[in-house]
Each structure stands twice: as C-alpha cells, then as structure tokens.
C-alpha cells in the first residue's frame, strides 16, 4: 500500500506541475486567440495527432507492452529486456514513420475525416489542414516518448515521464507570446510550437534511458516478445482508448455547430483533465506495472489488494473533485480564461460543457483503474467488448442530445458512456472473481458521502454569482478561487477526520 500511494504521489506531483503550466498555456492561448476560427483550427490540428498518440502510444501500445516487458524483466533479466526494446523500436519506428508521412502529405484528407464541418468554411479548413501538416510529426516524437516512458515505468521510475509534458506547455506559451507576432498568420506559431516541443521531450528522455542501460537501438532481429505485444495490442487499440474516441466523436459533431463550439469543448475538457491527469492517470500509471508483476508471478491476493486500495483512493479523491468541478465550473473558466479575446459568452458556454463533463469524472478515473486489471493479465478482449458497448451508447446519446443541447449534449453523452464503461468493467471483474471488495467499504462510502456533503455546502454558500466573477479583475478572481479551492480541501479533510476516516486504517486492506 505504501509503495502504491508513494508512487502515485510522485507521479501526481510531477503531473500537477505540468497541469498548472497547462492552465497557464491555455490562459495564454485564450488571451491571444479566444474561441476564434484560428483557435478552432489549431485545436483540431492538435487533437488529431494527440488522438493517435493516445490511441497507439499511451493507449494500446503501452497497455500491451508493459505487461510483456514486466514479464521478461521478472523471468529473463536485463539483457532480454534490452533485446526486446531494440526489436520493438525497429518495428514501432517504421510504422510511425509511415503513418507520419501519410499524415503530413494527406493533411486535407485527415481534416475532412475528423472535422467534416470545416469543409463548408474554406478559410478554416485550409488553415486547419496547413497546421495539421506541421503538428502531425508530433505523433512520431511523442510516441517514442511514450515508449521510453513505458520502459522507465516498468523499472519504477515514474518522475521523469510525469514531468516531460512540462516542455510542451513551456514551448507553446513561448511561441504564443514571442513567435506569433512575427508571423503573417499568428496562430500558426502554436503549430510550430507543438513540433518543437516533441523534439525537446524526446531529447529529455535519452540520458535517463542511457543511465538505465536501456537506450534502444533499432534491431531487425526476431523476438518472441514482439509477437506477444502485437497480439495484445490489436484488441487494445480500441478498448483502452474509448474515452479518446468519444472525445473525437464530440469534435467531429461539434465541427458542424457554431464557431466556438470546438474551443468551448476544448477548454472545458482541459479543466476536467486536470484532476483526471493529476490523480487518475497518475494512479493508473503506477497500478499497471505493479499488477503486471503480480500477475506474472501468480500473486493473486496481492493483485486483488492493489485493486482494492486503488479504488478506495478513487472514491476518496475523485468524488470531491467531481463536486468541485460541478460547483465551480464557471468561476474556474472565468478565472483562467476570461481575458483578451475570450468573451462573457465563451465563459457561459465553456462553463456549461464543463459541468456536463464533471459528472463523468468519476467514471473516467474508474476506467483508468479497472481496465489495467485486465491488461495486467494480458486479457485485451474483455475491455474491447465493453468499450464497443460504451462507444455505441456515446454515439446514440450524442445524436439524441446534440439537437436540444448543442455542445453541452456532446459532453453529457461522453460522461454517461464513461460510467457505462466503468460499470461493465467492474461487473466483469466481480463476475470472474478477479476482485472482491475487502471489508470496510460500506462504512467508507458513507463517510466520504457525508464529508462531500459538508464540502458542497461550503462551496455553494460562499461562491459568488457569475456576474460578480465577471466583474472582478484578475487578481480578485484568482484570490477568490484560491480561497474557495483551498478552503474546500481543508473543509473536506476536516470533515473526513470528523466522520472517522484515517488513511492508515481506511485504505489498508486486512492481512491475508
């Protein structure tokens, strides 16, 4: 338990630095470009390589590669690990080079597929296509970074991969402020910033891989592990990335809505991604290598204990994050983005979609924890079947809700599908007796609900009305927001103590 919590805290702390800088990045973009045509075009041009990165690299590839690598590490030692990573690099690099070339040369085709609504606006379509030809090579660079991260995570080195996104945020901030005024089309600076950031992130990883003695060199030699990764990766391509597919469906449909819809969804998604990244992704990053090691060694009781501790952490942290996002949606958008080109109307629209996304935060985080429980056992098919159901639910709800609720309906549909995904994953783990909740859950559930009720009353009672937020200057907004956020954290912590929650006793499973 201590190892899991400590590693999660390490990854979460590094991710927190990155996410805070990410907010600064988005504040700068909002100030300079607002929810304009150029901003819509950039967000789609950036989303497409990011989608493939999360689908292939951080998604299917990592979930298939880490269990295989952990097994080789436990059974065969470092020499075998080096042979595997060399063989993987040769094949992964070749595939990524071909995909990147197709992305750059066929940027217009990709844009027609991923943002068909832009076709009716030739200026927006051409701008987005031009930016995509610059941003698409980021896929190659960041996929190699994800490959490197998987290696380091397998050796319990989590800090460097978690810190790496800082370079993307710093580069985009720099390019938006200092490079954009030098260009005929200022927003193009963001596309060039993405490309430069990818190079910097990859270079940052190389010394740490060398220190591990695992700096890969491409090798065409046959390796049994490559075949196993391929076998596991194919079904994982869809299963692990259903959330990304759902968000992409949102983008496709939003491209048919009024200008600004893509940007409103982007800004609200970024705020929702903050707790998801700081806690959900951090916990999932730590859980998978540990579960894979226990599964490889047949330590099933310890495997179940890790799942139980992870779920208790989710319940303790994700629920208050959900309530906080819901109650502070528009104050958050106002405080972080309502400057320069970002209007009052943009605040209202982004705040509404953030509220819809916030309902799904607990579901998103649960999927991050429950899916690795299957991947660690090299079972990729079950999450795929469940993901198909969740995706169908998302599409049906999107089509049903986009008419009456526009972009807010898209966000609500994505949230609902996350709970369908998480619920089915949990049900299958219980059905197959891969997980049984350990004693203490009923009491913990009620304790956390009571503490969250106290926190919700605090926020609802003290948060000013939206009109007051809009009238404040930047300093007052940030002061009020900081006071509410830190006050809510303190109130929640004190409420947990008052109802009897103690980390050592509430999270620690009984001895087996």
Protein backbone atom coordinates (compact mmCIF):
# COMPACT_ATOMS: atom_id res chain seq x y z
CA UNK A 1 0.00 0.00 0.00
CA UNK A 2 2.79 2.44 0.93
CA UNK A 3 4.55 1.84 -2.40
CA UNK A 4 1.35 2.42 -4.36
CA UNK A 5 0.47 5.63 -2.52
CA UNK A 6 4.05 6.97 -2.60
CA UNK A 7 4.47 6.28 -6.33
CA UNK A 8 1.06 7.80 -7.08
CA UNK A 9 2.02 10.89 -5.08
CA UNK A 10 5.28 11.19 -7.04
CA UNK A 11 3.57 10.92 -10.42
CA UNK A 12 0.70 13.11 -9.27
CA UNK A 13 3.08 15.80 -8.01
CA UNK A 14 5.02 15.93 -11.27
CA UNK A 15 1.78 15.87 -13.23
CA UNK A 16 0.46 18.72 -11.08
CA UNK A 17 3.38 20.90 -12.17
CA UNK A 18 2.65 20.06 -15.79
CA UNK A 19 -1.09 20.65 -15.45
CA UNK A 20 -0.64 24.01 -13.74
CA UNK A 21 1.62 25.06 -16.60
CA UNK A 22 -1.00 23.62 -18.94
CA UNK A 23 -3.52 26.03 -17.47
CA UNK A 24 -1.09 28.89 -17.97
CA UNK A 25 -0.68 27.71 -21.57
CA UNK A 26 -4.45 27.68 -22.13
CA UNK A 27 -4.82 31.07 -20.46
CA UNK A 28 -2.25 32.47 -22.89
CA UNK A 29 -3.96 30.84 -25.89
CA UNK A 30 -7.36 32.11 -24.71
CA UNK A 31 -5.99 35.63 -24.25
CA UNK A 32 -4.34 35.74 -27.68
CA UNK A 33 -6.77 33.71 -29.79
CA UNK A 34 -10.00 33.26 -27.77
CA UNK A 35 -12.60 30.93 -29.33
CA UNK A 36 -11.92 32.20 -32.86
CA UNK A 37 -11.64 30.48 -36.21
CA UNK A 38 -7.88 30.18 -35.73
CA UNK A 39 -8.30 28.65 -32.28
CA UNK A 40 -10.85 26.12 -33.56
CA UNK A 41 -8.49 25.19 -36.40
CA UNK A 42 -5.50 24.73 -34.08
CA UNK A 43 -7.38 22.64 -31.53
CA UNK A 44 -8.46 20.20 -34.23
CA UNK A 45 -4.98 20.15 -35.81
CA UNK A 46 -3.50 19.37 -32.39
CA UNK A 47 -6.24 16.91 -31.42
CA UNK A 48 -5.66 14.60 -34.42
CA UNK A 49 -2.01 13.61 -33.67
CA UNK A 50 -2.88 13.61 -29.97
CA UNK A 51 -5.72 11.20 -30.66
CA UNK A 52 -3.41 8.79 -32.48
CA UNK A 53 -0.78 9.22 -29.76
CA UNK A 54 -3.26 8.27 -27.04
CA UNK A 55 -4.72 5.51 -29.18
CA UNK A 56 -1.46 3.85 -30.26
CA UNK A 57 1.30 5.00 -27.92
CA UNK A 58 -0.07 5.76 -24.46
CA UNK A 59 -3.11 3.63 -25.14
CA UNK A 60 -2.90 0.28 -26.89
CA UNK A 61 0.88 0.07 -27.14
CA UNK A 62 1.64 0.87 -23.51
CA UNK A 63 -1.09 -1.40 -22.19
CA UNK A 64 0.22 -4.27 -24.32
CA UNK A 65 3.94 -3.53 -23.94
CA UNK A 66 4.18 -3.02 -20.15
CA UNK A 67 2.82 -6.47 -19.14
CA UNK A 68 5.11 -8.20 -21.66
CA UNK A 69 8.13 -6.13 -20.60
CA UNK A 70 7.38 -6.75 -16.92
CA UNK A 71 7.20 -10.49 -17.56
CA UNK A 72 10.52 -10.51 -19.45
CA UNK A 73 12.13 -8.44 -16.69
CA UNK A 74 10.95 -10.83 -13.97
CA UNK A 75 11.83 -14.05 -15.84
CA UNK A 76 14.82 -13.33 -18.06
CA UNK A 77 16.72 -10.30 -16.79
CA UNK A 78 18.09 -7.08 -18.25
CA UNK A 79 19.76 -8.50 -21.35
CA UNK A 80 16.46 -9.92 -22.53
CA UNK A 81 14.75 -6.61 -21.80
CA UNK A 82 17.31 -4.76 -23.94
CA UNK A 83 16.82 -7.20 -26.82
CA UNK A 84 13.05 -6.70 -26.63
CA UNK A 85 13.13 -2.88 -26.59
CA UNK A 86 15.58 -2.85 -29.53
CA UNK A 87 13.28 -5.09 -31.56
CA UNK A 88 10.19 -3.09 -30.62
CA UNK A 89 11.85 0.22 -31.58
CA UNK A 90 12.68 -1.08 -35.07
CA UNK A 91 9.07 -2.07 -35.78
CA UNK A 92 7.35 0.75 -33.90
CA UNK A 93 9.57 3.37 -35.51
CA UNK A 94 8.87 2.04 -39.01
CA UNK A 95 5.11 2.10 -38.52
CA UNK A 96 5.20 5.59 -37.03
CA UNK A 97 7.33 6.94 -39.88
CA UNK A 98 4.84 5.67 -42.46
CA UNK A 99 1.84 7.00 -40.55
CA UNK A 100 3.52 10.37 -40.05
CA UNK A 101 4.34 10.70 -43.75
CA UNK A 102 0.74 9.90 -44.65
CA UNK A 103 -0.46 12.44 -42.08
CA UNK A 104 1.73 15.25 -43.40
CA UNK A 105 1.05 14.60 -47.09
CA UNK A 106 -2.65 13.90 -46.60
CA UNK A 107 -3.49 16.57 -44.03
CA UNK A 108 -6.51 17.71 -46.04
CA UNK A 109 -7.91 14.18 -46.14
CA UNK A 110 -7.45 13.76 -42.38
CA UNK A 111 -9.21 17.08 -41.80
CA UNK A 112 -12.18 16.02 -43.91
CA UNK A 113 -12.46 12.87 -41.80
CA UNK A 114 -12.01 14.40 -38.36
CA UNK A 115 -13.64 17.82 -38.86
CA UNK A 116 -16.03 17.48 -41.82
CA UNK A 117 -17.94 20.53 -40.67
CA UNK A 118 -14.92 22.68 -41.61
CA UNK A 119 -15.35 21.85 -45.31
CA UNK A 120 -18.09 24.46 -45.66
CA UNK A 121 -15.70 27.14 -44.39
CA UNK A 122 -12.75 27.10 -46.86
CA UNK A 123 -10.62 29.51 -44.81
CA UNK A 124 -10.95 27.50 -41.62
CA UNK A 125 -10.47 24.20 -43.47
CA UNK A 126 -7.27 25.35 -45.21
CA UNK A 127 -5.83 26.86 -42.05
CA UNK A 128 -6.52 23.67 -40.07
CA UNK A 129 -5.01 21.50 -42.83
CA UNK A 130 -1.86 23.64 -43.00
CA UNK A 131 -1.42 23.42 -39.23
CA UNK A 132 -2.01 19.67 -39.24
CA UNK A 133 0.85 19.15 -41.71
CA UNK A 134 3.10 20.80 -39.09
CA UNK A 135 1.67 19.14 -35.97
CA UNK A 136 1.38 15.58 -37.31
CA UNK A 137 5.11 14.70 -36.84
CA UNK A 138 4.46 15.25 -33.13
CA UNK A 139 2.85 11.80 -33.25
CA UNK A 140 6.19 10.17 -34.12
CA UNK A 141 8.11 12.10 -31.47
CA UNK A 142 5.64 11.73 -28.60
CA UNK A 143 5.05 8.04 -29.36
CA UNK A 144 8.76 7.43 -28.90
CA UNK A 145 8.49 9.37 -25.64
CA UNK A 146 5.63 7.06 -24.57
CA UNK A 147 7.77 4.05 -25.48
CA UNK A 148 10.58 5.41 -23.32
CA UNK A 149 8.12 6.17 -20.50
CA UNK A 150 6.84 2.59 -20.51
CA UNK A 151 10.40 1.31 -20.08
CA UNK A 152 11.10 3.66 -17.18
CA UNK A 153 7.75 2.94 -15.50
CA UNK A 154 8.50 -0.80 -15.61
CA UNK A 155 11.64 -0.04 -13.60
CA UNK A 156 9.58 2.06 -11.15
CA UNK A 157 11.00 5.33 -12.42
CA UNK A 158 7.87 7.46 -12.69
CA UNK A 159 9.05 11.03 -12.12
CA UNK A 160 10.75 11.71 -15.48
CA UNK A 161 7.81 10.58 -17.68
CA UNK A 162 5.37 12.53 -15.50
CA UNK A 163 7.48 15.71 -15.73
CA UNK A 164 8.01 15.53 -19.51
CA UNK A 165 4.79 17.36 -20.58
CA UNK A 166 6.17 20.49 -18.94
CA UNK A 167 8.24 21.03 -22.10
CA UNK A 168 5.12 21.10 -24.29
CA UNK A 169 3.44 23.70 -22.10
CA UNK A 170 6.51 25.94 -21.82
CA UNK A 171 7.12 25.78 -25.57
CA UNK A 172 3.53 26.64 -26.51
CA UNK A 173 3.50 29.54 -24.03
CA UNK A 174 6.75 30.88 -25.51
CA UNK A 175 5.62 30.52 -29.12
CA UNK A 176 2.23 32.13 -28.44
CA UNK A 177 3.78 35.17 -26.78
CA UNK A 178 7.01 35.73 -28.71
CA UNK A 179 6.72 33.91 -32.05
CA UNK A 180 3.10 34.58 -33.04
CA UNK A 181 3.62 38.37 -33.52
CA UNK A 182 6.38 37.60 -36.05
CA UNK A 183 4.17 35.52 -38.37
CA UNK A 184 1.71 36.62 -41.05
CA UNK A 185 -0.78 34.14 -39.56
CA UNK A 186 -0.08 34.40 -35.81
CA UNK A 187 -1.94 31.25 -34.78
CA UNK A 188 0.48 29.15 -36.89
CA UNK A 189 3.03 29.73 -34.12
CA UNK A 190 1.11 27.22 -31.99
CA UNK A 191 1.53 24.51 -34.62
CA UNK A 192 5.29 25.10 -34.80
CA UNK A 193 5.42 25.09 -31.01
CA UNK A 194 3.90 21.61 -30.91
CA UNK A 195 6.58 20.28 -33.28
CA UNK A 196 9.47 21.85 -31.36
CA UNK A 197 8.05 20.57 -28.07
CA UNK A 198 8.02 17.00 -29.38
CA UNK A 199 11.73 17.21 -30.18
CA UNK A 200 12.57 18.62 -26.74
CA UNK A 201 10.54 15.95 -24.93
CA UNK A 202 12.30 13.11 -26.74
CA UNK A 203 15.77 14.56 -26.15
CA UNK A 204 14.96 14.95 -22.44
CA UNK A 205 14.36 11.19 -22.10
CA UNK A 206 17.53 9.91 -23.74
CA UNK A 207 20.01 10.46 -20.85
CA UNK A 208 17.70 8.66 -18.41
CA UNK A 209 17.34 5.64 -20.69
CA UNK A 210 21.11 5.56 -21.10
CA UNK A 211 21.56 5.62 -17.33
CA UNK A 212 19.29 2.56 -17.10
CA UNK A 213 21.41 0.86 -19.75
CA UNK A 214 18.32 0.58 -21.95
CA UNK A 215 18.86 3.24 -24.61
CA UNK A 216 17.24 1.43 -27.55
CA UNK A 217 18.99 0.78 -30.86
CA UNK A 218 16.73 -0.43 -33.68
CA UNK A 219 17.18 -4.15 -34.34
CA UNK A 220 15.52 -6.28 -37.01
CA UNK A 221 16.21 -9.50 -35.07
CA UNK A 222 13.22 -11.69 -34.32
CA UNK A 223 11.98 -11.60 -30.73
CA UNK A 224 9.15 -13.59 -29.18
CA UNK A 225 8.09 -10.59 -27.13
CA UNK A 226 7.34 -8.58 -30.29
CA UNK A 227 4.78 -11.13 -31.40
CA UNK A 228 3.17 -11.12 -27.98
CA UNK A 229 2.95 -7.32 -27.95
CA UNK A 230 1.35 -7.38 -31.41
CA UNK A 231 -1.18 -9.99 -30.30
CA UNK A 232 -2.14 -7.99 -27.24
CA UNK A 233 -2.05 -4.61 -28.96
CA UNK A 234 -4.59 -5.23 -31.70
CA UNK A 235 -7.67 -5.60 -29.46
CA UNK A 236 -6.33 -2.98 -27.05
CA UNK A 237 -6.30 -0.41 -29.87
CA UNK A 238 -10.00 0.07 -29.41
CA UNK A 239 -10.61 -0.97 -25.83
CA UNK A 240 -8.16 1.24 -23.98
CA UNK A 241 -8.94 4.38 -25.95
CA UNK A 242 -12.73 4.54 -25.87
CA UNK A 243 -12.62 7.83 -23.95
CA UNK A 244 -10.44 9.36 -26.68
CA UNK A 245 -12.72 8.05 -29.40
CA UNK A 246 -15.69 9.52 -27.56
CA UNK A 247 -13.98 12.91 -27.32
CA UNK A 248 -13.09 12.73 -31.01
CA UNK A 249 -16.71 11.98 -31.89
CA UNK A 250 -17.56 15.12 -29.93
CA UNK A 251 -15.10 17.11 -32.06
CA UNK A 252 -16.48 15.75 -35.33
CA UNK A 253 -20.05 16.63 -34.38
CA UNK A 254 -19.01 19.97 -32.85
CA UNK A 255 -17.43 20.96 -36.17
CA UNK A 256 -21.00 21.21 -37.52
CA UNK A 257 -22.07 23.57 -34.75
CA UNK A 258 -21.49 27.33 -34.46
CA UNK A 259 -17.95 28.68 -34.46
CA UNK A 260 -16.53 28.40 -30.97
CA UNK A 261 -18.08 25.02 -30.15
CA UNK A 262 -14.81 23.13 -30.66
CA UNK A 263 -12.98 25.65 -28.47
CA UNK A 264 -15.63 25.56 -25.72
CA UNK A 265 -15.34 21.79 -25.54
CA UNK A 266 -11.55 22.03 -25.58
CA UNK A 267 -11.32 24.48 -22.67
CA UNK A 268 -13.86 22.58 -20.55
CA UNK A 269 -12.16 19.26 -21.35
CA UNK A 270 -8.83 20.73 -20.28
CA UNK A 271 -10.26 21.65 -16.88
CA UNK A 272 -11.80 18.19 -16.50
CA UNK A 273 -8.46 16.65 -17.48
CA UNK A 274 -6.71 18.37 -14.58
CA UNK A 275 -7.94 16.05 -11.80
CA UNK A 276 -8.04 13.17 -14.27
CA UNK A 277 -4.35 13.64 -15.08
CA UNK A 278 -3.07 14.60 -11.63
CA UNK A 279 -4.79 11.69 -9.93
CA UNK A 280 -6.47 9.26 -12.36
CA UNK A 281 -3.69 8.91 -14.92
CA UNK A 282 -1.04 9.04 -12.18
CA UNK A 283 -2.68 6.18 -10.28
CA UNK A 284 -3.21 4.15 -13.46
CA UNK A 285 0.45 4.66 -14.45
CA UNK A 286 1.56 3.19 -11.14
CA UNK A 287 -1.06 0.43 -10.95
CA UNK A 288 -0.36 -1.29 -14.29
CA UNK A 289 3.32 -2.26 -13.71
CA UNK A 290 2.51 -3.47 -10.20
CA UNK A 291 -0.49 -5.53 -11.30
CA UNK A 292 1.50 -6.92 -14.25
CA UNK A 293 4.31 -8.05 -11.95
CA UNK A 294 1.88 -9.73 -9.54
CA UNK A 295 0.01 -11.41 -12.39
CA UNK A 296 3.29 -12.65 -13.92
CA UNK A 297 4.29 -14.18 -10.56
CA UNK A 298 0.82 -15.54 -9.78
CA UNK A 299 0.41 -13.40 -6.64
CA UNK A 300 -3.37 -13.05 -6.99
CA UNK A 301 -4.21 -11.99 -3.45
CA UNK A 302 -1.75 -9.09 -3.70
CA UNK A 303 -3.23 -8.33 -7.15
CA UNK A 304 -6.71 -8.00 -5.61
CA UNK A 305 -5.39 -5.90 -2.76
CA UNK A 306 -3.81 -3.41 -5.17
CA UNK A 307 -7.13 -3.02 -6.99
CA UNK A 308 -8.96 -2.52 -3.70
CA UNK A 309 -6.54 0.16 -2.46
CA UNK A 310 -6.69 1.95 -5.83
CA UNK A 311 -10.49 2.01 -5.79
CA UNK A 312 -10.55 3.37 -2.23
CA UNK A 313 -8.21 6.17 -3.31
CA UNK A 314 -10.50 6.89 -6.27
CA UNK A 315 -13.54 7.15 -4.00
CA UNK A 316 -11.73 9.42 -1.54
CA UNK A 317 -10.34 11.82 -4.15
CA UNK A 318 -12.42 11.62 -7.36
CA UNK A 319 -15.79 12.31 -5.75
CA UNK A 320 -14.79 15.67 -4.18
CA UNK A 321 -13.04 16.60 -7.44
CA UNK A 322 -16.30 15.93 -9.28
CA UNK A 323 -18.32 18.09 -6.91
CA UNK A 324 -15.71 20.84 -7.02
CA UNK A 325 -15.73 20.96 -10.83
CA UNK A 326 -19.52 20.98 -10.90
CA UNK A 327 -19.97 23.82 -8.39
CA UNK A 328 -17.01 25.91 -9.58
CA UNK A 329 -17.31 25.32 -13.33
CA UNK A 330 -17.99 28.88 -14.44
CA UNK A 331 -15.75 30.50 -11.78
CA UNK A 332 -12.90 28.28 -13.00
CA UNK A 333 -13.45 29.19 -16.64
CA UNK A 334 -13.77 32.87 -15.75
CA UNK A 335 -10.65 32.99 -13.60
CA UNK A 336 -8.44 31.09 -16.01
CA UNK A 337 -9.62 32.10 -19.48
CA UNK A 338 -11.78 35.26 -19.39
CA UNK A 339 -9.15 37.63 -20.74
CA UNK A 340 -8.46 39.28 -24.08
CA UNK A 341 -10.36 37.57 -26.89
CA UNK A 342 -12.28 35.21 -24.55
CA UNK A 343 -15.74 36.76 -24.10
CA UNK A 344 -18.52 36.55 -21.48
CA UNK A 345 -20.42 34.30 -23.88
CA UNK A 346 -17.43 31.97 -24.14
CA UNK A 347 -17.35 31.73 -20.34
CA UNK A 348 -21.01 30.69 -20.18
CA UNK A 349 -20.71 28.16 -22.99
CA UNK A 350 -17.46 26.60 -21.71
CA UNK A 351 -18.80 26.51 -18.15
CA UNK A 352 -21.91 24.62 -19.23
CA UNK A 353 -19.93 21.91 -21.02
CA UNK A 354 -17.53 21.67 -18.06
CA UNK A 355 -20.48 20.96 -15.77
CA UNK A 356 -21.56 18.19 -18.13
CA UNK A 357 -18.04 16.74 -18.26
CA UNK A 358 -17.70 16.92 -14.46
CA UNK A 359 -20.48 14.37 -14.00
CA UNK A 360 -18.33 11.82 -15.81
CA UNK A 361 -15.05 12.45 -13.97
CA UNK A 362 -15.54 9.56 -11.54
CA UNK A 363 -16.34 7.25 -14.46
CA UNK A 364 -13.28 8.37 -16.44
CA UNK A 365 -10.99 7.72 -13.47
CA UNK A 366 -12.56 4.32 -12.71
CA UNK A 367 -11.90 3.20 -16.28
CA UNK A 368 -8.23 4.19 -15.84
CA UNK A 369 -8.02 1.84 -12.85
CA UNK A 370 -10.28 -1.04 -13.86
CA UNK A 371 -9.04 -1.56 -17.43
CA UNK A 372 -5.40 -2.21 -16.33
CA UNK A 373 -6.71 -5.02 -14.12
CA UNK A 374 -7.50 -6.88 -17.36
CA UNK A 375 -4.41 -5.74 -19.28
CA UNK A 376 -2.12 -6.93 -16.49
CA UNK A 377 -3.50 -10.45 -17.10
CA UNK A 378 -2.96 -9.94 -20.86
CA UNK A 379 -6.71 -10.01 -21.38
CA UNK A 380 -7.37 -7.39 -24.04
CA UNK A 381 -10.60 -8.80 -25.45
CA UNK A 382 -12.88 -8.14 -22.48
CA UNK A 383 -12.23 -4.38 -22.33
CA UNK A 384 -12.73 -4.24 -26.11
CA UNK A 385 -16.19 -5.76 -25.91
CA UNK A 386 -17.12 -3.40 -23.11
CA UNK A 387 -15.67 -0.43 -24.99
CA UNK A 388 -17.83 -1.22 -28.02
CA UNK A 389 -20.93 -1.01 -25.85
CA UNK A 390 -19.78 2.27 -24.28
CA UNK A 391 -18.96 3.78 -27.67
CA UNK A 392 -22.37 2.85 -29.05
CA UNK A 393 -24.01 4.45 -26.01
CA UNK A 394 -21.97 7.60 -26.63
CA UNK A 395 -22.93 7.83 -30.30
CA UNK A 396 -26.63 7.27 -29.60
CA UNK A 397 -26.65 9.85 -26.81
CA UNK A 398 -24.65 12.31 -28.94
CA UNK A 399 -27.23 12.14 -31.71
CA UNK A 400 -30.08 12.42 -29.21
CA UNK A 401 -28.65 15.35 -27.23
CA UNK A 402 -26.86 17.48 -29.84
CA UNK A 403 -30.14 18.87 -31.15
CA UNK A 404 -31.61 20.26 -27.92
CA UNK A 405 -28.34 20.92 -26.05
CA UNK A 406 -25.70 21.52 -28.77
CA UNK A 407 -22.10 21.15 -27.46
CA UNK A 408 -23.30 20.58 -23.87
CA UNK A 409 -25.17 17.49 -25.03
CA UNK A 410 -21.95 16.11 -26.53
CA UNK A 411 -20.14 16.50 -23.21
CA UNK A 412 -23.03 14.89 -21.30
CA UNK A 413 -23.06 11.90 -23.66
CA UNK A 414 -19.34 11.36 -23.16
CA UNK A 415 -19.78 11.42 -19.38
CA UNK A 416 -22.61 8.89 -19.49
CA UNK A 417 -20.62 6.50 -21.68
CA UNK A 418 -17.71 6.65 -19.20
CA UNK A 419 -19.95 5.29 -16.46
CA UNK A 420 -21.25 2.55 -18.75
CA UNK A 421 -17.65 1.57 -19.49
CA UNK A 422 -16.58 1.63 -15.83
CA UNK A 423 -19.69 -0.18 -14.63
CA UNK A 424 -19.28 -3.06 -17.07
CA UNK A 425 -15.55 -3.41 -16.31
CA UNK A 426 -16.29 -3.61 -12.58
CA UNK A 427 -19.13 -6.09 -13.13
CA UNK A 428 -16.88 -8.40 -15.16
CA UNK A 429 -14.13 -8.32 -12.52
CA UNK A 430 -16.71 -9.35 -9.92
CA UNK A 431 -18.29 -12.00 -12.14
CA UNK A 432 -14.93 -13.66 -12.81
CA UNK A 433 -13.93 -13.34 -9.15
CA UNK A 434 -10.86 -11.35 -10.10
CA UNK A 435 -11.80 -8.78 -7.50
CA UNK A 436 -13.90 -8.84 -4.34
CA UNK A 437 -14.17 -5.69 -2.19
CA UNK A 438 -12.34 -6.15 1.08
CA UNK A 439 -14.01 -5.30 4.42
CA UNK A 440 -14.67 -1.66 5.28
CA UNK A 441 -16.21 -0.40 2.05
CA UNK A 442 -19.74 0.26 3.30
CA UNK A 443 -18.50 2.44 6.13
CA UNK A 444 -16.03 4.28 3.86
CA UNK A 445 -18.73 5.05 1.28
CA UNK A 446 -20.98 6.75 3.83
CA UNK A 447 -18.10 8.58 5.47
CA UNK A 448 -16.96 10.05 2.14
CA UNK A 449 -20.52 10.98 1.13
CA UNK A 450 -21.02 12.87 4.39
CA UNK A 451 -17.71 14.70 4.06
CA UNK A 452 -18.54 15.67 0.47
CA UNK A 453 -21.91 16.97 1.59
CA UNK A 454 -20.18 19.32 4.04
CA UNK A 455 -17.77 20.48 1.34
CA UNK A 456 -20.61 21.09 -1.13
CA UNK A 457 -22.46 23.28 1.38
CA UNK A 458 -19.25 25.28 1.93
CA UNK A 459 -18.76 25.90 -1.80
CA UNK A 460 -22.40 26.61 -2.59
CA UNK A 461 -22.66 29.06 0.29
CA UNK A 462 -19.52 31.07 -0.38
CA UNK A 463 -19.09 31.08 -4.19
CA UNK A 464 -20.17 34.46 -5.70
CA UNK A 465 -22.63 34.64 -8.59
CA UNK A 466 -21.28 34.52 -12.16
CA UNK A 467 -21.99 38.22 -12.70
CA UNK A 468 -19.76 39.01 -9.72
CA UNK A 469 -16.96 36.81 -11.09
CA UNK A 470 -17.14 38.54 -14.46
CA UNK A 471 -16.94 41.97 -12.80
CA UNK A 472 -13.79 41.13 -10.80
CA UNK A 473 -10.29 41.90 -12.03
CA UNK A 474 -7.80 39.06 -12.49
CA UNK A 475 -6.22 39.42 -9.05
CA UNK A 476 -9.54 39.26 -7.19
CA UNK A 477 -10.72 36.32 -9.26
CA UNK A 478 -7.62 34.27 -8.52
CA UNK A 479 -7.72 35.22 -4.85
CA UNK A 480 -11.37 34.20 -4.52
CA UNK A 481 -10.84 30.99 -6.50
CA UNK A 482 -7.76 30.04 -4.49
CA UNK A 483 -9.61 30.69 -1.25
CA UNK A 484 -12.55 28.54 -2.33
CA UNK A 485 -10.38 25.67 -3.61
CA UNK A 486 -8.03 25.51 -0.64
CA UNK A 487 -10.89 26.18 1.75
CA UNK A 488 -12.86 23.29 0.24
CA UNK A 489 -9.84 21.00 0.56
CA UNK A 490 -9.44 21.95 4.23
CA UNK A 491 -13.16 21.55 4.94
CA UNK A 492 -13.21 18.16 3.23
CA UNK A 493 -10.13 16.96 5.11
CA UNK A 494 -11.55 18.08 8.46
CA UNK A 495 -14.91 16.50 7.62
CA UNK A 496 -13.19 13.20 6.83
CA UNK A 497 -11.43 13.30 10.18
CA UNK A 498 -14.70 14.17 11.93
CA UNK A 499 -16.50 11.14 10.47
CA UNK A 500 -13.62 8.85 11.37
CA UNK A 501 -11.63 8.41 8.15
CA UNK A 502 -7.95 7.72 8.82
CA UNK A 503 -5.68 6.97 5.81
CA UNK A 504 -3.85 4.13 7.51
CA UNK A 505 -6.99 2.30 8.65
CA UNK A 506 -9.33 3.25 5.80
CA UNK A 507 -7.00 2.32 2.92
CA UNK A 508 -5.03 -0.56 4.34
CA UNK A 509 -6.58 -3.92 3.45
CA UNK A 510 -6.76 -6.65 6.09
CA UNK A 511 -3.82 -9.04 6.34
CA UNK A 512 -4.01 -12.12 4.14
